[in-house]
Amino acid sequence: MKKTSSYIYLNQPDGERFIGLDDMEINDRLTPELLEARSEVIRHSRAVIVDTNLPEDTIQWVVTHFDGPVLAKAVSLAKVGRLQSSLSSLNTLVINGIEAPVLVETVPGDKESALRCAQELVDTGVENVFLYVDNIGTVYANRQQHIFLPQPDIHQKNTNGAGGAAIAALVLAAVNGLDFKQTAQLAAAAAYITSESPDSVNEAMSTDLIQKKIESLF
């Protein structure tokens, strides 16, 4: 028997995380062998999301055995390197401005460096990149185009969970066939709605609320 995963964090008054501690050891049991036994379910999925709590060889198994879009979310500085060997197989990478420099050279600190950082991530082979940088904004980019959405004046209460909301919104956008700009706006709006709640998951989240947020922000 193993404990379920747990995560505790402390935020500063502006919602920025001050420190976080986690116990994710149980994720090490999500091995390629375990996934192989459930491969039919995975192979018939419309999309698969992985995050870097998974072991690197498990992430590699997913991108090797699943023919559809694989979306990945970085979860920490210590674990983002687990994506290095799978970057060229990812449909979408969701990553923040602190994690991104583990994979590329540029540290995003303003609009120009954020755009450059996103392009470097695309150059690794990732098809689409959603990069969110605290107090700067978000970049959604691929080989053909990019869009920068400056961070609006919102009352942040908690930035934990913003990336998770964004990657869920990106899947929603793909399922509904949204275009590039609409996809970027949907993901950014979901992230901002999440950051306005003291909880990691905003219980008010809905497609209607996301649409209203898009109309008010963009």
N, C-alpha and C. Protein backbone atom coordinates (compact mmCIF):
# COMPACT_ATOMS: atom_id res chain seq x y z
N MET A 1 0.83 -1.19 0.00
CA MET A 1 0.00 0.00 0.00
C MET A 1 0.87 1.25 0.00
N LYS A 2 0.46 2.25 -0.77
CA LYS A 2 1.16 3.52 -0.82
C LYS A 2 0.19 4.65 -0.54
N LYS A 3 0.72 5.74 -0.01
CA LYS A 3 -0.09 6.92 0.23
C LYS A 3 -0.47 7.58 -1.09
N THR A 4 -1.66 8.18 -1.13
CA THR A 4 -2.02 8.98 -2.30
C THR A 4 -1.12 10.21 -2.34
N SER A 5 -1.01 10.80 -3.51
CA SER A 5 -0.15 11.97 -3.65
C SER A 5 -0.71 13.15 -2.85
N SER A 6 0.18 14.00 -2.40
CA SER A 6 -0.25 15.17 -1.63
C SER A 6 0.65 16.35 -1.95
N TYR A 7 0.09 17.53 -1.80
CA TYR A 7 0.82 18.76 -2.13
C TYR A 7 0.33 19.87 -1.22
N ILE A 8 1.28 20.57 -0.60
CA ILE A 8 0.92 21.70 0.24
C ILE A 8 1.79 22.89 -0.17
N TYR A 9 1.20 24.05 -0.18
CA TYR A 9 1.96 25.23 -0.58
C TYR A 9 1.52 26.45 0.24
N LEU A 10 2.40 27.42 0.28
CA LEU A 10 2.12 28.69 0.94
C LEU A 10 2.21 29.79 -0.09
N ASN A 11 1.22 30.66 -0.10
CA ASN A 11 1.19 31.77 -1.04
C ASN A 11 1.50 33.10 -0.35
N GLN A 12 2.04 34.01 -1.12
CA GLN A 12 2.17 35.38 -0.67
C GLN A 12 0.82 36.09 -0.85
N PRO A 13 0.66 37.28 -0.29
CA PRO A 13 -0.63 37.99 -0.38
C PRO A 13 -1.11 38.21 -1.82
N ASP A 14 -0.17 38.30 -2.79
CA ASP A 14 -0.58 38.54 -4.17
C ASP A 14 -0.91 37.25 -4.91
N GLY A 15 -0.94 36.12 -4.19
CA GLY A 15 -1.30 34.86 -4.81
C GLY A 15 -0.13 34.06 -5.34
N GLU A 16 1.07 34.66 -5.35
CA GLU A 16 2.25 33.94 -5.83
C GLU A 16 2.69 32.91 -4.79
N ARG A 17 3.09 31.76 -5.26
CA ARG A 17 3.54 30.71 -4.36
C ARG A 17 4.87 31.09 -3.72
N PHE A 18 4.95 30.93 -2.43
CA PHE A 18 6.18 31.20 -1.69
C PHE A 18 7.01 29.92 -1.55
N ILE A 19 6.35 28.84 -1.23
CA ILE A 19 7.02 27.55 -1.11
C ILE A 19 6.00 26.45 -1.29
N GLY A 20 6.44 25.33 -1.82
CA GLY A 20 5.55 24.18 -1.99
C GLY A 20 6.28 22.89 -1.68
N LEU A 21 5.58 21.96 -1.07
CA LEU A 21 6.13 20.65 -0.74
C LEU A 21 5.17 19.58 -1.24
N ASP A 22 5.73 18.53 -1.83
CA ASP A 22 4.84 17.49 -2.32
C ASP A 22 5.40 16.10 -2.03
N ASP A 23 4.50 15.14 -2.04
CA ASP A 23 4.85 13.73 -1.97
C ASP A 23 4.13 13.04 -3.11
N MET A 24 4.81 12.83 -4.20
CA MET A 24 4.22 12.25 -5.41
C MET A 24 4.79 10.87 -5.71
N GLU A 25 5.32 10.21 -4.70
CA GLU A 25 5.99 8.92 -4.91
C GLU A 25 5.08 7.90 -5.57
N ILE A 26 3.80 7.96 -5.29
CA ILE A 26 2.89 6.96 -5.84
C ILE A 26 2.84 7.01 -7.37
N ASN A 27 3.18 8.17 -7.94
CA ASN A 27 3.18 8.27 -9.40
C ASN A 27 4.25 7.39 -10.04
N ASP A 28 5.26 7.02 -9.27
CA ASP A 28 6.28 6.12 -9.81
C ASP A 28 5.71 4.76 -10.14
N ARG A 29 4.53 4.46 -9.61
CA ARG A 29 3.88 3.18 -9.91
C ARG A 29 3.13 3.21 -11.25
N LEU A 30 3.01 4.40 -11.82
CA LEU A 30 2.40 4.51 -13.15
C LEU A 30 3.48 4.20 -14.19
N THR A 31 3.81 2.95 -14.29
CA THR A 31 4.90 2.48 -15.14
C THR A 31 4.41 2.16 -16.55
N PRO A 32 5.32 2.03 -17.51
CA PRO A 32 4.91 1.58 -18.84
C PRO A 32 4.18 0.25 -18.81
N GLU A 33 4.59 -0.64 -17.93
CA GLU A 33 3.95 -1.94 -17.83
C GLU A 33 2.48 -1.81 -17.38
N LEU A 34 2.24 -0.90 -16.45
CA LEU A 34 0.87 -0.67 -15.99
C LEU A 34 0.02 -0.09 -17.13
N LEU A 35 0.59 0.84 -17.87
CA LEU A 35 -0.16 1.44 -18.99
C LEU A 35 -0.39 0.44 -20.11
N GLU A 36 0.58 -0.44 -20.32
CA GLU A 36 0.43 -1.44 -21.37
C GLU A 36 -0.79 -2.31 -21.13
N ALA A 37 -1.07 -2.60 -19.87
CA ALA A 37 -2.23 -3.42 -19.54
C ALA A 37 -3.54 -2.68 -19.81
N ARG A 38 -3.46 -1.37 -19.98
CA ARG A 38 -4.64 -0.53 -20.25
C ARG A 38 -4.52 0.17 -21.60
N SER A 39 -3.73 -0.40 -22.47
CA SER A 39 -3.38 0.27 -23.72
C SER A 39 -4.58 0.48 -24.64
N GLU A 40 -5.56 -0.39 -24.60
CA GLU A 40 -6.71 -0.23 -25.48
C GLU A 40 -7.48 1.04 -25.15
N VAL A 41 -7.65 1.30 -23.87
CA VAL A 41 -8.34 2.53 -23.45
C VAL A 41 -7.55 3.75 -23.92
N ILE A 42 -6.24 3.71 -23.74
CA ILE A 42 -5.40 4.85 -24.11
C ILE A 42 -5.42 5.05 -25.62
N ARG A 43 -5.27 3.99 -26.37
CA ARG A 43 -5.20 4.10 -27.83
C ARG A 43 -6.50 4.59 -28.45
N HIS A 44 -7.63 4.39 -27.78
CA HIS A 44 -8.91 4.83 -28.32
C HIS A 44 -9.33 6.19 -27.78
N SER A 45 -8.45 6.86 -27.05
CA SER A 45 -8.75 8.20 -26.53
C SER A 45 -8.58 9.25 -27.62
N ARG A 46 -9.27 10.37 -27.47
CA ARG A 46 -9.14 11.46 -28.44
C ARG A 46 -7.89 12.29 -28.18
N ALA A 47 -7.45 12.32 -26.94
CA ALA A 47 -6.23 13.04 -26.56
C ALA A 47 -5.75 12.48 -25.23
N VAL A 48 -4.47 12.63 -24.98
CA VAL A 48 -3.89 12.19 -23.72
C VAL A 48 -3.10 13.35 -23.11
N ILE A 49 -3.32 13.57 -21.83
CA ILE A 49 -2.57 14.59 -21.10
C ILE A 49 -1.61 13.88 -20.14
N VAL A 50 -0.36 14.31 -20.15
CA VAL A 50 0.61 13.81 -19.18
C VAL A 50 1.18 15.02 -18.43
N ASP A 51 1.65 14.78 -17.22
CA ASP A 51 2.41 15.82 -16.55
C ASP A 51 3.70 15.22 -16.01
N THR A 52 4.58 16.08 -15.56
CA THR A 52 5.92 15.61 -15.23
C THR A 52 6.03 14.99 -13.84
N ASN A 53 4.91 14.72 -13.20
CA ASN A 53 4.95 13.84 -12.04
C ASN A 53 5.17 12.40 -12.48
N LEU A 54 4.87 12.12 -13.74
CA LEU A 54 5.08 10.77 -14.28
C LEU A 54 6.57 10.52 -14.50
N PRO A 55 7.01 9.28 -14.34
CA PRO A 55 8.40 8.96 -14.68
C PRO A 55 8.68 9.22 -16.15
N GLU A 56 9.92 9.53 -16.46
CA GLU A 56 10.27 9.85 -17.84
C GLU A 56 9.99 8.70 -18.79
N ASP A 57 10.26 7.46 -18.39
CA ASP A 57 10.01 6.35 -19.30
C ASP A 57 8.52 6.12 -19.53
N THR A 58 7.68 6.53 -18.58
CA THR A 58 6.23 6.42 -18.77
C THR A 58 5.75 7.46 -19.79
N ILE A 59 6.28 8.67 -19.69
CA ILE A 59 5.94 9.70 -20.69
C ILE A 59 6.37 9.24 -22.08
N GLN A 60 7.57 8.67 -22.16
CA GLN A 60 8.05 8.16 -23.45
C GLN A 60 7.14 7.06 -24.00
N TRP A 61 6.64 6.19 -23.11
CA TRP A 61 5.73 5.13 -23.56
C TRP A 61 4.48 5.74 -24.17
N VAL A 62 3.95 6.77 -23.53
CA VAL A 62 2.72 7.39 -24.03
C VAL A 62 2.93 7.97 -25.42
N VAL A 63 3.98 8.75 -25.62
CA VAL A 63 4.18 9.39 -26.93
C VAL A 63 4.54 8.36 -28.00
N THR A 64 5.05 7.22 -27.59
CA THR A 64 5.41 6.17 -28.55
C THR A 64 4.21 5.32 -28.94
N HIS A 65 3.29 5.10 -28.01
CA HIS A 65 2.19 4.16 -28.24
C HIS A 65 0.85 4.81 -28.53
N PHE A 66 0.76 6.12 -28.41
CA PHE A 66 -0.50 6.80 -28.69
C PHE A 66 -0.35 7.63 -29.95
N ASP A 67 -1.22 7.41 -30.91
CA ASP A 67 -1.11 8.09 -32.21
C ASP A 67 -1.77 9.47 -32.23
N GLY A 68 -2.61 9.75 -31.25
CA GLY A 68 -3.31 11.03 -31.22
C GLY A 68 -2.48 12.10 -30.53
N PRO A 69 -3.09 13.27 -30.30
CA PRO A 69 -2.36 14.37 -29.67
C PRO A 69 -2.04 14.11 -28.20
N VAL A 70 -0.78 14.30 -27.85
CA VAL A 70 -0.34 14.22 -26.45
C VAL A 70 -0.02 15.63 -25.97
N LEU A 71 -0.69 16.04 -24.91
CA LEU A 71 -0.45 17.35 -24.31
C LEU A 71 0.29 17.12 -23.00
N ALA A 72 1.26 17.96 -22.73
CA ALA A 72 2.07 17.78 -21.52
C ALA A 72 2.12 19.07 -20.71
N LYS A 73 2.08 18.90 -19.40
CA LYS A 73 2.18 20.04 -18.50
C LYS A 73 3.37 19.84 -17.56
N ALA A 74 4.24 20.83 -17.53
CA ALA A 74 5.33 20.83 -16.56
C ALA A 74 4.75 21.15 -15.19
N VAL A 75 5.32 20.56 -14.14
CA VAL A 75 4.78 20.78 -12.80
C VAL A 75 5.79 21.40 -11.84
N SER A 76 7.08 21.35 -12.17
CA SER A 76 8.07 21.91 -11.26
C SER A 76 9.42 22.00 -11.94
N LEU A 77 10.29 22.81 -11.37
CA LEU A 77 11.66 22.91 -11.87
C LEU A 77 12.37 21.56 -11.81
N ALA A 78 12.13 20.83 -10.74
CA ALA A 78 12.85 19.59 -10.52
C ALA A 78 12.44 18.50 -11.51
N LYS A 79 11.24 18.58 -12.06
CA LYS A 79 10.72 17.48 -12.88
C LYS A 79 10.55 17.82 -14.35
N VAL A 80 10.69 19.08 -14.73
CA VAL A 80 10.42 19.46 -16.12
C VAL A 80 11.39 18.77 -17.08
N GLY A 81 12.58 18.43 -16.62
CA GLY A 81 13.55 17.75 -17.48
C GLY A 81 13.09 16.39 -17.96
N ARG A 82 12.08 15.83 -17.32
CA ARG A 82 11.55 14.53 -17.74
C ARG A 82 10.91 14.59 -19.13
N LEU A 83 10.64 15.79 -19.61
CA LEU A 83 10.04 15.95 -20.93
C LEU A 83 11.07 16.03 -22.05
N GLN A 84 12.33 16.21 -21.68
CA GLN A 84 13.37 16.49 -22.66
C GLN A 84 13.38 15.49 -23.81
N SER A 85 13.28 14.22 -23.51
CA SER A 85 13.39 13.18 -24.54
C SER A 85 12.11 13.01 -25.35
N SER A 86 11.02 13.68 -24.96
CA SER A 86 9.74 13.50 -25.64
C SER A 86 9.24 14.77 -26.32
N LEU A 87 9.99 15.84 -26.25
CA LEU A 87 9.50 17.13 -26.74
C LEU A 87 9.05 17.08 -28.20
N SER A 88 9.81 16.42 -29.04
CA SER A 88 9.49 16.42 -30.47
C SER A 88 8.25 15.60 -30.80
N SER A 89 7.72 14.88 -29.81
CA SER A 89 6.52 14.06 -30.02
C SER A 89 5.27 14.68 -29.41
N LEU A 90 5.41 15.85 -28.81
CA LEU A 90 4.27 16.47 -28.13
C LEU A 90 3.46 17.34 -29.07
N ASN A 91 2.16 17.23 -28.95
CA ASN A 91 1.27 18.14 -29.66
C ASN A 91 1.29 19.52 -29.01
N THR A 92 1.26 19.54 -27.67
CA THR A 92 1.19 20.81 -26.94
C THR A 92 1.95 20.69 -25.63
N LEU A 93 2.69 21.75 -25.31
CA LEU A 93 3.38 21.87 -24.03
C LEU A 93 2.85 23.08 -23.29
N VAL A 94 2.43 22.88 -22.05
CA VAL A 94 2.02 23.99 -21.17
C VAL A 94 3.09 24.13 -20.10
N ILE A 95 3.65 25.32 -20.02
CA ILE A 95 4.82 25.52 -19.15
C ILE A 95 4.86 26.97 -18.69
N ASN A 96 5.40 27.21 -17.50
CA ASN A 96 5.48 28.59 -17.03
C ASN A 96 6.87 29.17 -17.24
N GLY A 97 7.00 30.44 -16.93
CA GLY A 97 8.24 31.15 -17.20
C GLY A 97 9.39 30.74 -16.32
N ILE A 98 9.13 30.09 -15.21
CA ILE A 98 10.19 29.61 -14.34
C ILE A 98 10.71 28.26 -14.82
N GLU A 99 9.81 27.42 -15.31
CA GLU A 99 10.20 26.08 -15.76
C GLU A 99 10.86 26.08 -17.13
N ALA A 100 10.42 26.98 -18.01
CA ALA A 100 10.87 26.95 -19.40
C ALA A 100 12.39 27.01 -19.56
N PRO A 101 13.12 27.83 -18.79
CA PRO A 101 14.58 27.90 -18.99
C PRO A 101 15.33 26.61 -18.68
N VAL A 102 14.67 25.62 -18.09
CA VAL A 102 15.31 24.31 -17.93
C VAL A 102 15.49 23.64 -19.30
N LEU A 103 14.58 23.95 -20.23
CA LEU A 103 14.58 23.30 -21.54
C LEU A 103 15.24 24.14 -22.62
N VAL A 104 15.23 25.46 -22.47
CA VAL A 104 15.80 26.35 -23.49
C VAL A 104 16.65 27.43 -22.82
N GLU A 105 17.28 28.26 -23.62
CA GLU A 105 18.23 29.23 -23.07
C GLU A 105 17.58 30.49 -22.52
N THR A 106 16.52 30.96 -23.16
CA THR A 106 15.98 32.27 -22.82
C THR A 106 15.13 32.24 -21.55
N VAL A 107 15.38 33.20 -20.66
CA VAL A 107 14.57 33.38 -19.46
C VAL A 107 13.54 34.47 -19.78
N PRO A 108 12.25 34.13 -19.81
CA PRO A 108 11.25 35.14 -20.18
C PRO A 108 11.01 36.14 -19.05
N GLY A 109 11.25 37.41 -19.35
CA GLY A 109 11.05 38.45 -18.35
C GLY A 109 10.26 39.62 -18.85
N ASP A 110 9.97 39.64 -20.15
CA ASP A 110 9.15 40.68 -20.76
C ASP A 110 8.53 40.08 -22.02
N LYS A 111 7.78 40.89 -22.75
CA LYS A 111 7.09 40.37 -23.94
C LYS A 111 8.08 39.79 -24.94
N GLU A 112 9.14 40.52 -25.24
CA GLU A 112 10.07 40.08 -26.27
C GLU A 112 10.76 38.78 -25.90
N SER A 113 11.22 38.68 -24.66
CA SER A 113 11.91 37.44 -24.25
C SER A 113 10.93 36.29 -24.11
N ALA A 114 9.69 36.58 -23.76
CA ALA A 114 8.68 35.52 -23.69
C ALA A 114 8.41 34.94 -25.08
N LEU A 115 8.31 35.82 -26.07
CA LEU A 115 8.12 35.36 -27.45
C LEU A 115 9.32 34.54 -27.92
N ARG A 116 10.50 35.01 -27.58
CA ARG A 116 11.71 34.29 -27.97
C ARG A 116 11.79 32.92 -27.28
N CYS A 117 11.44 32.89 -26.01
CA CYS A 117 11.44 31.63 -25.26
C CYS A 117 10.46 30.63 -25.87
N ALA A 118 9.28 31.10 -26.21
CA ALA A 118 8.27 30.22 -26.82
C ALA A 118 8.76 29.68 -28.15
N GLN A 119 9.43 30.53 -28.94
CA GLN A 119 9.94 30.08 -30.23
C GLN A 119 11.03 29.02 -30.05
N GLU A 120 11.87 29.20 -29.04
CA GLU A 120 12.90 28.19 -28.77
C GLU A 120 12.28 26.85 -28.38
N LEU A 121 11.18 26.92 -27.64
CA LEU A 121 10.48 25.68 -27.28
C LEU A 121 9.88 25.02 -28.51
N VAL A 122 9.31 25.81 -29.40
CA VAL A 122 8.78 25.26 -30.65
C VAL A 122 9.91 24.62 -31.46
N ASP A 123 11.09 25.24 -31.42
CA ASP A 123 12.23 24.73 -32.18
C ASP A 123 12.71 23.37 -31.66
N THR A 124 12.33 23.00 -30.45
CA THR A 124 12.69 21.67 -29.93
C THR A 124 11.87 20.57 -30.59
N GLY A 125 10.82 20.96 -31.29
CA GLY A 125 9.97 19.98 -31.95
C GLY A 125 8.55 19.94 -31.45
N VAL A 126 8.25 20.65 -30.35
CA VAL A 126 6.88 20.71 -29.85
C VAL A 126 6.00 21.41 -30.89
N GLU A 127 4.84 20.86 -31.14
CA GLU A 127 3.97 21.44 -32.17
C GLU A 127 3.35 22.76 -31.72
N ASN A 128 2.86 22.81 -30.49
CA ASN A 128 2.25 24.02 -29.94
C ASN A 128 2.78 24.26 -28.53
N VAL A 129 3.00 25.51 -28.20
CA VAL A 129 3.49 25.88 -26.87
C VAL A 129 2.57 26.92 -26.25
N PHE A 130 2.16 26.66 -25.01
CA PHE A 130 1.44 27.66 -24.23
C PHE A 130 2.33 28.01 -23.06
N LEU A 131 2.92 29.20 -23.12
CA LEU A 131 3.85 29.67 -22.10
C LEU A 131 3.19 30.79 -21.31
N TYR A 132 3.10 30.62 -20.00
CA TYR A 132 2.52 31.67 -19.18
C TYR A 132 3.57 32.19 -18.20
N VAL A 133 3.71 33.52 -18.18
CA VAL A 133 4.75 34.17 -17.40
C VAL A 133 4.10 35.14 -16.43
N ASP A 134 4.31 34.93 -15.15
CA ASP A 134 3.69 35.77 -14.13
C ASP A 134 4.01 37.25 -14.36
N ASN A 135 2.96 38.06 -14.28
CA ASN A 135 3.05 39.52 -14.40
C ASN A 135 3.44 40.00 -15.80
N ILE A 136 3.55 39.09 -16.75
CA ILE A 136 3.87 39.46 -18.13
C ILE A 136 2.71 39.12 -19.06
N GLY A 137 2.32 37.86 -19.07
CA GLY A 137 1.23 37.44 -19.94
C GLY A 137 1.46 36.03 -20.44
N THR A 138 0.76 35.67 -21.49
CA THR A 138 0.86 34.34 -22.07
C THR A 138 1.21 34.41 -23.54
N VAL A 139 1.93 33.38 -23.99
CA VAL A 139 2.25 33.24 -25.41
C VAL A 139 1.74 31.88 -25.86
N TYR A 140 1.04 31.89 -26.98
CA TYR A 140 0.64 30.63 -27.62
C TYR A 140 1.31 30.64 -28.98
N ALA A 141 2.10 29.60 -29.27
CA ALA A 141 2.91 29.63 -30.48
C ALA A 141 3.05 28.27 -31.11
N ASN A 142 3.20 28.28 -32.44
CA ASN A 142 3.61 27.09 -33.17
C ASN A 142 4.54 27.53 -34.29
N ARG A 143 4.82 26.66 -35.25
CA ARG A 143 5.79 27.00 -36.29
C ARG A 143 5.29 28.08 -37.23
N GLN A 144 3.98 28.23 -37.34
CA GLN A 144 3.43 29.16 -38.31
C GLN A 144 3.04 30.53 -37.72
N GLN A 145 2.68 30.54 -36.46
CA GLN A 145 2.15 31.78 -35.90
C GLN A 145 2.29 31.81 -34.39
N HIS A 146 2.06 33.00 -33.84
CA HIS A 146 2.08 33.14 -32.39
C HIS A 146 1.16 34.29 -32.01
N ILE A 147 0.75 34.26 -30.75
CA ILE A 147 -0.06 35.34 -30.22
C ILE A 147 0.40 35.61 -28.79
N PHE A 148 0.54 36.88 -28.46
CA PHE A 148 0.90 37.28 -27.10
C PHE A 148 -0.31 37.97 -26.47
N LEU A 149 -0.68 37.51 -25.29
CA LEU A 149 -1.80 38.09 -24.56
C LEU A 149 -1.27 38.66 -23.24
N PRO A 150 -1.14 39.98 -23.14
CA PRO A 150 -0.59 40.56 -21.91
C PRO A 150 -1.47 40.25 -20.71
N GLN A 151 -0.83 40.10 -19.57
CA GLN A 151 -1.61 39.80 -18.36
C GLN A 151 -2.50 40.97 -18.01
N PRO A 152 -3.79 40.71 -17.86
CA PRO A 152 -4.73 41.80 -17.54
C PRO A 152 -4.65 42.18 -16.07
N ASP A 153 -5.30 43.25 -15.74
CA ASP A 153 -5.35 43.70 -14.35
C ASP A 153 -6.43 42.90 -13.63
N ILE A 154 -6.01 41.80 -13.02
CA ILE A 154 -6.94 40.94 -12.30
C ILE A 154 -6.46 40.80 -10.87
N HIS A 155 -7.36 40.39 -9.99
CA HIS A 155 -7.01 40.21 -8.59
C HIS A 155 -6.65 38.75 -8.36
N GLN A 156 -5.35 38.46 -8.42
CA GLN A 156 -4.91 37.09 -8.23
C GLN A 156 -4.96 36.71 -6.76
N LYS A 157 -5.51 35.53 -6.52
CA LYS A 157 -5.55 35.00 -5.17
C LYS A 157 -4.70 33.73 -5.02
N ASN A 158 -4.44 33.08 -6.16
CA ASN A 158 -3.74 31.80 -6.10
C ASN A 158 -3.35 31.40 -7.51
N THR A 159 -2.05 31.33 -7.78
CA THR A 159 -1.62 30.97 -9.12
C THR A 159 -1.50 29.45 -9.32
N ASN A 160 -1.58 28.67 -8.25
CA ASN A 160 -1.57 27.22 -8.38
C ASN A 160 -2.85 26.75 -9.07
N GLY A 161 -2.70 25.93 -10.05
CA GLY A 161 -3.85 25.41 -10.78
C GLY A 161 -4.09 26.10 -12.11
N ALA A 162 -3.41 27.23 -12.34
CA ALA A 162 -3.63 27.96 -13.59
C ALA A 162 -3.21 27.14 -14.81
N GLY A 163 -2.07 26.48 -14.71
CA GLY A 163 -1.61 25.67 -15.83
C GLY A 163 -2.52 24.48 -16.09
N GLY A 164 -3.04 23.88 -15.02
CA GLY A 164 -3.97 22.77 -15.19
C GLY A 164 -5.24 23.21 -15.89
N ALA A 165 -5.73 24.39 -15.53
CA ALA A 165 -6.92 24.93 -16.19
C ALA A 165 -6.65 25.22 -17.65
N ALA A 166 -5.47 25.73 -17.92
CA ALA A 166 -5.11 26.06 -19.30
C ALA A 166 -5.06 24.81 -20.18
N ILE A 167 -4.45 23.74 -19.67
CA ILE A 167 -4.32 22.54 -20.51
C ILE A 167 -5.68 21.88 -20.72
N ALA A 168 -6.57 21.96 -19.73
CA ALA A 168 -7.93 21.45 -19.92
C ALA A 168 -8.66 22.26 -20.98
N ALA A 169 -8.46 23.57 -20.96
CA ALA A 169 -9.10 24.44 -21.95
C ALA A 169 -8.55 24.18 -23.35
N LEU A 170 -7.27 23.85 -23.45
CA LEU A 170 -6.68 23.56 -24.75
C LEU A 170 -7.30 22.30 -25.36
N VAL A 171 -7.57 21.31 -24.53
CA VAL A 171 -8.25 20.11 -25.02
C VAL A 171 -9.67 20.45 -25.46
N LEU A 172 -10.35 21.25 -24.66
CA LEU A 172 -11.71 21.68 -25.01
C LEU A 172 -11.71 22.41 -26.34
N ALA A 173 -10.72 23.26 -26.56
CA ALA A 173 -10.63 24.00 -27.82
C ALA A 173 -10.43 23.06 -28.99
N ALA A 174 -9.57 22.06 -28.81
CA ALA A 174 -9.30 21.11 -29.89
C ALA A 174 -10.54 20.29 -30.23
N VAL A 175 -11.25 19.84 -29.18
CA VAL A 175 -12.46 19.04 -29.39
C VAL A 175 -13.52 19.83 -30.15
N ASN A 176 -13.56 21.13 -29.90
CA ASN A 176 -14.57 21.98 -30.53
C ASN A 176 -14.07 22.66 -31.80
N GLY A 177 -12.87 22.34 -32.22
CA GLY A 177 -12.35 22.85 -33.48
C GLY A 177 -12.12 24.35 -33.52
N LEU A 178 -11.72 24.94 -32.42
CA LEU A 178 -11.48 26.38 -32.37
C LEU A 178 -10.21 26.74 -33.14
N ASP A 179 -10.17 27.95 -33.65
CA ASP A 179 -8.98 28.38 -34.38
C ASP A 179 -7.87 28.79 -33.41
N PHE A 180 -6.74 29.18 -33.97
CA PHE A 180 -5.54 29.46 -33.17
C PHE A 180 -5.79 30.55 -32.13
N LYS A 181 -6.33 31.67 -32.55
CA LYS A 181 -6.58 32.79 -31.64
C LYS A 181 -7.59 32.42 -30.57
N GLN A 182 -8.68 31.77 -30.98
CA GLN A 182 -9.70 31.37 -30.02
C GLN A 182 -9.14 30.39 -28.98
N THR A 183 -8.26 29.51 -29.44
CA THR A 183 -7.64 28.54 -28.53
C THR A 183 -6.79 29.24 -27.49
N ALA A 184 -5.98 30.19 -27.94
CA ALA A 184 -5.12 30.94 -27.02
C ALA A 184 -5.95 31.69 -25.98
N GLN A 185 -7.01 32.32 -26.43
CA GLN A 185 -7.85 33.11 -25.53
C GLN A 185 -8.58 32.22 -24.53
N LEU A 186 -9.05 31.07 -25.00
CA LEU A 186 -9.76 30.15 -24.12
C LEU A 186 -8.84 29.67 -22.98
N ALA A 187 -7.63 29.27 -23.35
CA ALA A 187 -6.69 28.77 -22.35
C ALA A 187 -6.28 29.86 -21.37
N ALA A 188 -6.01 31.05 -21.87
CA ALA A 188 -5.61 32.15 -20.99
C ALA A 188 -6.75 32.54 -20.05
N ALA A 189 -7.97 32.60 -20.58
CA ALA A 189 -9.12 32.96 -19.74
C ALA A 189 -9.33 31.93 -18.63
N ALA A 190 -9.20 30.66 -18.96
CA ALA A 190 -9.36 29.61 -17.95
C ALA A 190 -8.31 29.74 -16.86
N ALA A 191 -7.08 30.06 -17.26
CA ALA A 191 -6.01 30.23 -16.28
C ALA A 191 -6.30 31.42 -15.36
N TYR A 192 -6.77 32.51 -15.93
CA TYR A 192 -7.04 33.70 -15.11
C TYR A 192 -8.23 33.49 -14.17
N ILE A 193 -9.25 32.79 -14.66
CA ILE A 193 -10.40 32.49 -13.79
C ILE A 193 -9.93 31.66 -12.58
N THR A 194 -9.05 30.72 -12.84
CA THR A 194 -8.52 29.89 -11.75
C THR A 194 -7.73 30.74 -10.76
N SER A 195 -6.91 31.65 -11.25
CA SER A 195 -6.06 32.45 -10.36
C SER A 195 -6.86 33.44 -9.51
N GLU A 196 -8.11 33.67 -9.88
CA GLU A 196 -8.95 34.59 -9.11
C GLU A 196 -9.64 33.89 -7.93
N SER A 197 -9.43 32.59 -7.82
CA SER A 197 -10.01 31.82 -6.72
C SER A 197 -8.91 31.46 -5.72
N PRO A 198 -9.21 31.40 -4.43
CA PRO A 198 -8.20 30.95 -3.46
C PRO A 198 -7.90 29.46 -3.57
N ASP A 199 -8.74 28.74 -4.30
CA ASP A 199 -8.57 27.30 -4.46
C ASP A 199 -7.86 26.98 -5.77
N SER A 200 -7.23 25.81 -5.84
CA SER A 200 -6.54 25.40 -7.06
C SER A 200 -7.50 25.11 -8.21
N VAL A 201 -8.74 24.79 -7.86
CA VAL A 201 -9.80 24.60 -8.86
C VAL A 201 -10.93 25.56 -8.52
N ASN A 202 -11.21 26.48 -9.42
CA ASN A 202 -12.28 27.45 -9.19
C ASN A 202 -13.63 26.76 -9.42
N GLU A 203 -14.42 26.66 -8.37
CA GLU A 203 -15.69 25.94 -8.47
C GLU A 203 -16.68 26.65 -9.40
N ALA A 204 -16.42 27.92 -9.71
CA ALA A 204 -17.32 28.66 -10.60
C ALA A 204 -16.99 28.42 -12.08
N MET A 205 -15.93 27.67 -12.35
CA MET A 205 -15.49 27.46 -13.73
C MET A 205 -16.59 26.83 -14.58
N SER A 206 -16.82 27.42 -15.75
CA SER A 206 -17.78 26.89 -16.71
C SER A 206 -17.46 27.49 -18.07
N THR A 207 -18.00 26.89 -19.11
CA THR A 207 -17.76 27.43 -20.45
C THR A 207 -18.38 28.81 -20.60
N ASP A 208 -19.52 29.04 -19.95
CA ASP A 208 -20.14 30.36 -20.01
C ASP A 208 -19.26 31.41 -19.34
N LEU A 209 -18.69 31.06 -18.18
CA LEU A 209 -17.83 32.01 -17.48
C LEU A 209 -16.56 32.29 -18.29
N ILE A 210 -16.02 31.26 -18.93
CA ILE A 210 -14.83 31.46 -19.76
C ILE A 210 -15.15 32.41 -20.91
N GLN A 211 -16.29 32.23 -21.53
CA GLN A 211 -16.67 33.11 -22.63
C GLN A 211 -16.83 34.55 -22.17
N LYS A 212 -17.42 34.74 -21.02
CA LYS A 212 -17.58 36.09 -20.47
C LYS A 212 -16.21 36.71 -20.17
N LYS A 213 -15.30 35.89 -19.66
CA LYS A 213 -13.96 36.38 -19.35
C LYS A 213 -13.24 36.79 -20.64
N ILE A 214 -13.38 35.98 -21.68
CA ILE A 214 -12.77 36.32 -22.96
C ILE A 214 -13.30 37.65 -23.47
N GLU A 215 -14.60 37.84 -23.39
CA GLU A 215 -15.22 39.08 -23.88
C GLU A 215 -14.76 40.29 -23.08
N SER A 216 -14.50 40.11 -21.78
CA SER A 216 -14.09 41.23 -20.95
C SER A 216 -12.60 41.52 -21.06
N LEU A 217 -11.80 40.52 -21.38
CA LEU A 217 -10.35 40.71 -21.41
C LEU A 217 -9.77 40.98 -22.79
N PHE A 218 -10.34 40.31 -23.80
CA PHE A 218 -9.70 40.35 -25.12
C PHE A 218 -10.57 40.99 -26.19
